[in-house]
Amino acid sequence: MTLDLHKNRSFGNEVEIGLARIRERHKPDRMEAETMSFFQRVRRSYLDLSEQHNERIHVIDATRDADEVAAEIRRILGANGLC
């Protein structure tokens, strides 16, 4: 049985995909061994979902300082009465 349940809020963190660095450090796991085109397709799918459901899926620029990222998430949650 599948219930029609959705998360209240989801956050997608936009970061540069640094697969080359990961592959230099250790043997890649199954996900790390995927091609760049795979990660680009996954990213595009998440961005499409965030456009379709912008009231509950938020894309965050995670290249910023961790405190800035956390502040933005708190701002979004607070604006929706969740924090």
N, C-alpha and C. Protein backbone atom coordinates (compact mmCIF):
# COMPACT_ATOMS: atom_id res chain seq x y z
N MET A 1 0.84 -1.17 0.00
CA MET A 1 0.00 0.00 0.00
C MET A 1 0.89 1.24 0.00
N THR A 2 0.55 2.19 -0.83
CA THR A 2 1.29 3.45 -0.89
C THR A 2 0.38 4.57 -0.41
N LEU A 3 0.84 5.31 0.56
CA LEU A 3 0.09 6.45 1.05
C LEU A 3 0.55 7.70 0.30
N ASP A 4 -0.31 8.66 0.16
CA ASP A 4 0.03 9.90 -0.52
C ASP A 4 0.65 10.87 0.49
N LEU A 5 1.89 10.57 0.89
CA LEU A 5 2.60 11.38 1.87
C LEU A 5 3.75 12.11 1.20
N HIS A 6 3.96 13.35 1.61
CA HIS A 6 5.07 14.15 1.08
C HIS A 6 5.79 14.80 2.25
N LYS A 7 7.07 15.00 2.08
CA LYS A 7 7.82 15.73 3.09
C LYS A 7 7.33 17.17 3.12
N ASN A 8 7.41 17.77 4.29
CA ASN A 8 7.00 19.16 4.43
C ASN A 8 7.95 20.10 3.71
N ARG A 9 9.26 19.88 3.89
CA ARG A 9 10.28 20.69 3.23
C ARG A 9 11.47 19.82 2.85
N SER A 10 12.05 20.09 1.71
CA SER A 10 13.29 19.44 1.27
C SER A 10 14.25 20.52 0.83
N PHE A 11 15.53 20.28 1.09
CA PHE A 11 16.56 21.24 0.69
C PHE A 11 17.58 20.52 -0.18
N GLY A 12 17.83 21.07 -1.35
CA GLY A 12 18.88 20.56 -2.23
C GLY A 12 20.06 21.50 -2.15
N ASN A 13 21.21 20.97 -1.85
CA ASN A 13 22.41 21.80 -1.71
C ASN A 13 23.20 21.80 -3.00
N GLU A 14 23.34 22.96 -3.60
CA GLU A 14 24.11 23.11 -4.83
C GLU A 14 25.58 23.23 -4.50
N VAL A 15 26.37 22.26 -4.94
CA VAL A 15 27.82 22.30 -4.75
C VAL A 15 28.49 21.80 -6.02
N GLU A 16 29.71 22.20 -6.21
CA GLU A 16 30.48 21.71 -7.35
C GLU A 16 30.75 20.22 -7.13
N ILE A 17 30.59 19.46 -8.17
CA ILE A 17 30.84 18.02 -8.06
C ILE A 17 32.34 17.79 -8.20
N GLY A 18 32.99 17.40 -7.12
CA GLY A 18 34.43 17.23 -7.10
C GLY A 18 34.84 15.77 -7.20
N LEU A 19 34.40 15.10 -8.24
CA LEU A 19 34.69 13.67 -8.36
C LEU A 19 36.16 13.38 -8.56
N ALA A 20 36.86 14.24 -9.24
CA ALA A 20 38.29 14.00 -9.48
C ALA A 20 39.04 13.92 -8.16
N ARG A 21 38.73 14.83 -7.25
CA ARG A 21 39.38 14.82 -5.93
C ARG A 21 39.05 13.55 -5.17
N ILE A 22 37.80 13.12 -5.20
CA ILE A 22 37.39 11.90 -4.51
C ILE A 22 38.13 10.70 -5.07
N ARG A 23 38.21 10.63 -6.38
CA ARG A 23 38.85 9.49 -7.03
C ARG A 23 40.35 9.43 -6.75
N GLU A 24 40.95 10.59 -6.50
CA GLU A 24 42.38 10.61 -6.17
C GLU A 24 42.64 10.09 -4.76
N ARG A 25 41.71 10.26 -3.85
CA ARG A 25 41.91 9.91 -2.45
C ARG A 25 41.71 8.43 -2.15
N HIS A 26 40.78 7.80 -2.81
CA HIS A 26 40.49 6.39 -2.54
C HIS A 26 39.75 5.77 -3.72
N LYS A 27 39.58 4.47 -3.65
CA LYS A 27 38.83 3.78 -4.69
C LYS A 27 37.37 4.23 -4.62
N PRO A 28 36.82 4.70 -5.73
CA PRO A 28 35.44 5.20 -5.70
C PRO A 28 34.44 4.10 -5.35
N ASP A 29 33.39 4.46 -4.60
CA ASP A 29 32.30 3.53 -4.35
C ASP A 29 31.38 3.54 -5.57
N ARG A 30 30.27 2.84 -5.48
CA ARG A 30 29.37 2.70 -6.62
C ARG A 30 28.88 4.06 -7.14
N MET A 31 28.50 4.96 -6.24
CA MET A 31 28.02 6.27 -6.66
C MET A 31 29.15 7.14 -7.21
N GLU A 32 30.28 7.12 -6.52
CA GLU A 32 31.41 7.95 -6.95
C GLU A 32 31.95 7.50 -8.30
N ALA A 33 31.73 6.23 -8.66
CA ALA A 33 32.23 5.69 -9.92
C ALA A 33 31.36 6.09 -11.11
N GLU A 34 30.21 6.70 -10.85
CA GLU A 34 29.33 7.12 -11.94
C GLU A 34 29.98 8.23 -12.75
N THR A 35 29.49 8.40 -13.96
CA THR A 35 30.03 9.42 -14.86
C THR A 35 29.47 10.80 -14.50
N MET A 36 30.14 11.83 -14.97
CA MET A 36 29.69 13.20 -14.73
C MET A 36 28.31 13.41 -15.35
N SER A 37 28.02 12.79 -16.48
CA SER A 37 26.71 12.97 -17.10
C SER A 37 25.60 12.41 -16.21
N PHE A 38 25.88 11.34 -15.47
CA PHE A 38 24.91 10.80 -14.51
C PHE A 38 24.57 11.86 -13.46
N PHE A 39 25.61 12.47 -12.87
CA PHE A 39 25.39 13.47 -11.83
C PHE A 39 24.68 14.70 -12.38
N GLN A 40 24.96 15.06 -13.63
CA GLN A 40 24.28 16.20 -14.24
C GLN A 40 22.80 15.89 -14.46
N ARG A 41 22.48 14.65 -14.84
CA ARG A 41 21.08 14.26 -15.02
C ARG A 41 20.34 14.27 -13.67
N VAL A 42 20.98 13.76 -12.64
CA VAL A 42 20.37 13.76 -11.30
C VAL A 42 20.13 15.19 -10.84
N ARG A 43 21.13 16.04 -11.01
CA ARG A 43 21.00 17.45 -10.63
C ARG A 43 19.84 18.10 -11.36
N ARG A 44 19.77 17.88 -12.67
CA ARG A 44 18.69 18.47 -13.48
C ARG A 44 17.32 17.99 -12.99
N SER A 45 17.23 16.73 -12.62
CA SER A 45 15.96 16.19 -12.12
C SER A 45 15.54 16.87 -10.82
N TYR A 46 16.50 17.06 -9.91
CA TYR A 46 16.19 17.75 -8.66
C TYR A 46 15.79 19.20 -8.92
N LEU A 47 16.48 19.87 -9.85
CA LEU A 47 16.12 21.25 -10.17
C LEU A 47 14.73 21.33 -10.77
N ASP A 48 14.39 20.37 -11.64
CA ASP A 48 13.04 20.33 -12.21
C ASP A 48 11.99 20.14 -11.12
N LEU A 49 12.27 19.23 -10.18
CA LEU A 49 11.33 19.01 -9.07
C LEU A 49 11.18 20.28 -8.22
N SER A 50 12.28 20.98 -7.99
CA SER A 50 12.20 22.19 -7.18
C SER A 50 11.39 23.27 -7.88
N GLU A 51 11.41 23.30 -9.21
CA GLU A 51 10.59 24.27 -9.95
C GLU A 51 9.11 23.89 -9.89
N GLN A 52 8.82 22.60 -9.94
CA GLN A 52 7.44 22.13 -9.90
C GLN A 52 6.83 22.25 -8.51
N HIS A 53 7.67 22.13 -7.48
CA HIS A 53 7.20 22.13 -6.09
C HIS A 53 7.98 23.15 -5.27
N ASN A 54 8.04 24.39 -5.76
CA ASN A 54 8.88 25.40 -5.12
C ASN A 54 8.41 25.80 -3.72
N GLU A 55 7.20 25.41 -3.36
CA GLU A 55 6.72 25.71 -2.02
C GLU A 55 7.31 24.76 -0.97
N ARG A 56 7.84 23.61 -1.41
CA ARG A 56 8.38 22.66 -0.44
C ARG A 56 9.78 22.15 -0.76
N ILE A 57 10.28 22.40 -1.97
CA ILE A 57 11.64 21.97 -2.32
C ILE A 57 12.46 23.22 -2.61
N HIS A 58 13.50 23.43 -1.83
CA HIS A 58 14.31 24.63 -1.92
C HIS A 58 15.75 24.25 -2.29
N VAL A 59 16.30 24.95 -3.27
CA VAL A 59 17.69 24.74 -3.67
C VAL A 59 18.53 25.80 -2.97
N ILE A 60 19.55 25.35 -2.26
CA ILE A 60 20.40 26.22 -1.46
C ILE A 60 21.81 26.24 -2.07
N ASP A 61 22.39 27.42 -2.19
CA ASP A 61 23.77 27.55 -2.66
C ASP A 61 24.70 27.15 -1.51
N ALA A 62 25.19 25.92 -1.55
CA ALA A 62 26.01 25.39 -0.46
C ALA A 62 27.50 25.64 -0.67
N THR A 63 27.83 26.50 -1.63
CA THR A 63 29.24 26.86 -1.81
C THR A 63 29.63 27.97 -0.85
N ARG A 64 28.66 28.54 -0.17
CA ARG A 64 28.90 29.61 0.80
C ARG A 64 29.36 29.04 2.14
N ASP A 65 29.69 29.93 3.03
CA ASP A 65 30.07 29.57 4.40
C ASP A 65 28.92 28.78 5.05
N ALA A 66 29.27 27.77 5.86
CA ALA A 66 28.27 26.91 6.50
C ALA A 66 27.26 27.72 7.32
N ASP A 67 27.71 28.78 7.99
CA ASP A 67 26.79 29.61 8.78
C ASP A 67 25.78 30.32 7.89
N GLU A 68 26.21 30.76 6.71
CA GLU A 68 25.29 31.41 5.77
C GLU A 68 24.25 30.42 5.26
N VAL A 69 24.69 29.20 4.95
CA VAL A 69 23.77 28.17 4.47
C VAL A 69 22.75 27.86 5.56
N ALA A 70 23.21 27.67 6.79
CA ALA A 70 22.31 27.37 7.91
C ALA A 70 21.32 28.52 8.13
N ALA A 71 21.79 29.76 8.02
CA ALA A 71 20.92 30.93 8.21
C ALA A 71 19.83 30.95 7.14
N GLU A 72 20.17 30.62 5.90
CA GLU A 72 19.16 30.61 4.84
C GLU A 72 18.12 29.53 5.10
N ILE A 73 18.57 28.36 5.53
CA ILE A 73 17.61 27.29 5.83
C ILE A 73 16.69 27.70 6.98
N ARG A 74 17.26 28.31 8.03
CA ARG A 74 16.44 28.78 9.15
C ARG A 74 15.45 29.86 8.68
N ARG A 75 15.89 30.74 7.76
CA ARG A 75 15.01 31.79 7.24
C ARG A 75 13.82 31.18 6.50
N ILE A 76 14.10 30.18 5.67
CA ILE A 76 13.03 29.52 4.90
C ILE A 76 12.06 28.80 5.85
N LEU A 77 12.61 28.08 6.80
CA LEU A 77 11.76 27.36 7.76
C LEU A 77 10.94 28.34 8.59
N GLY A 78 11.58 29.43 9.02
CA GLY A 78 10.88 30.43 9.82
C GLY A 78 9.76 31.11 9.05
N ALA A 79 9.99 31.38 7.78
CA ALA A 79 8.98 32.03 6.94
C ALA A 79 7.76 31.14 6.74
N ASN A 80 7.96 29.85 6.94
CA ASN A 80 6.86 28.90 6.79
C ASN A 80 6.34 28.39 8.13
N GLY A 81 6.76 29.06 9.21
CA GLY A 81 6.29 28.69 10.54
C GLY A 81 6.78 27.35 11.04
N LEU A 82 7.92 26.91 10.53
CA LEU A 82 8.44 25.59 10.91
C LEU A 82 9.63 25.67 11.84
N CYS A 83 10.08 26.87 12.15
CA CYS A 83 11.26 27.00 13.01
C CYS A 83 11.08 28.15 13.96
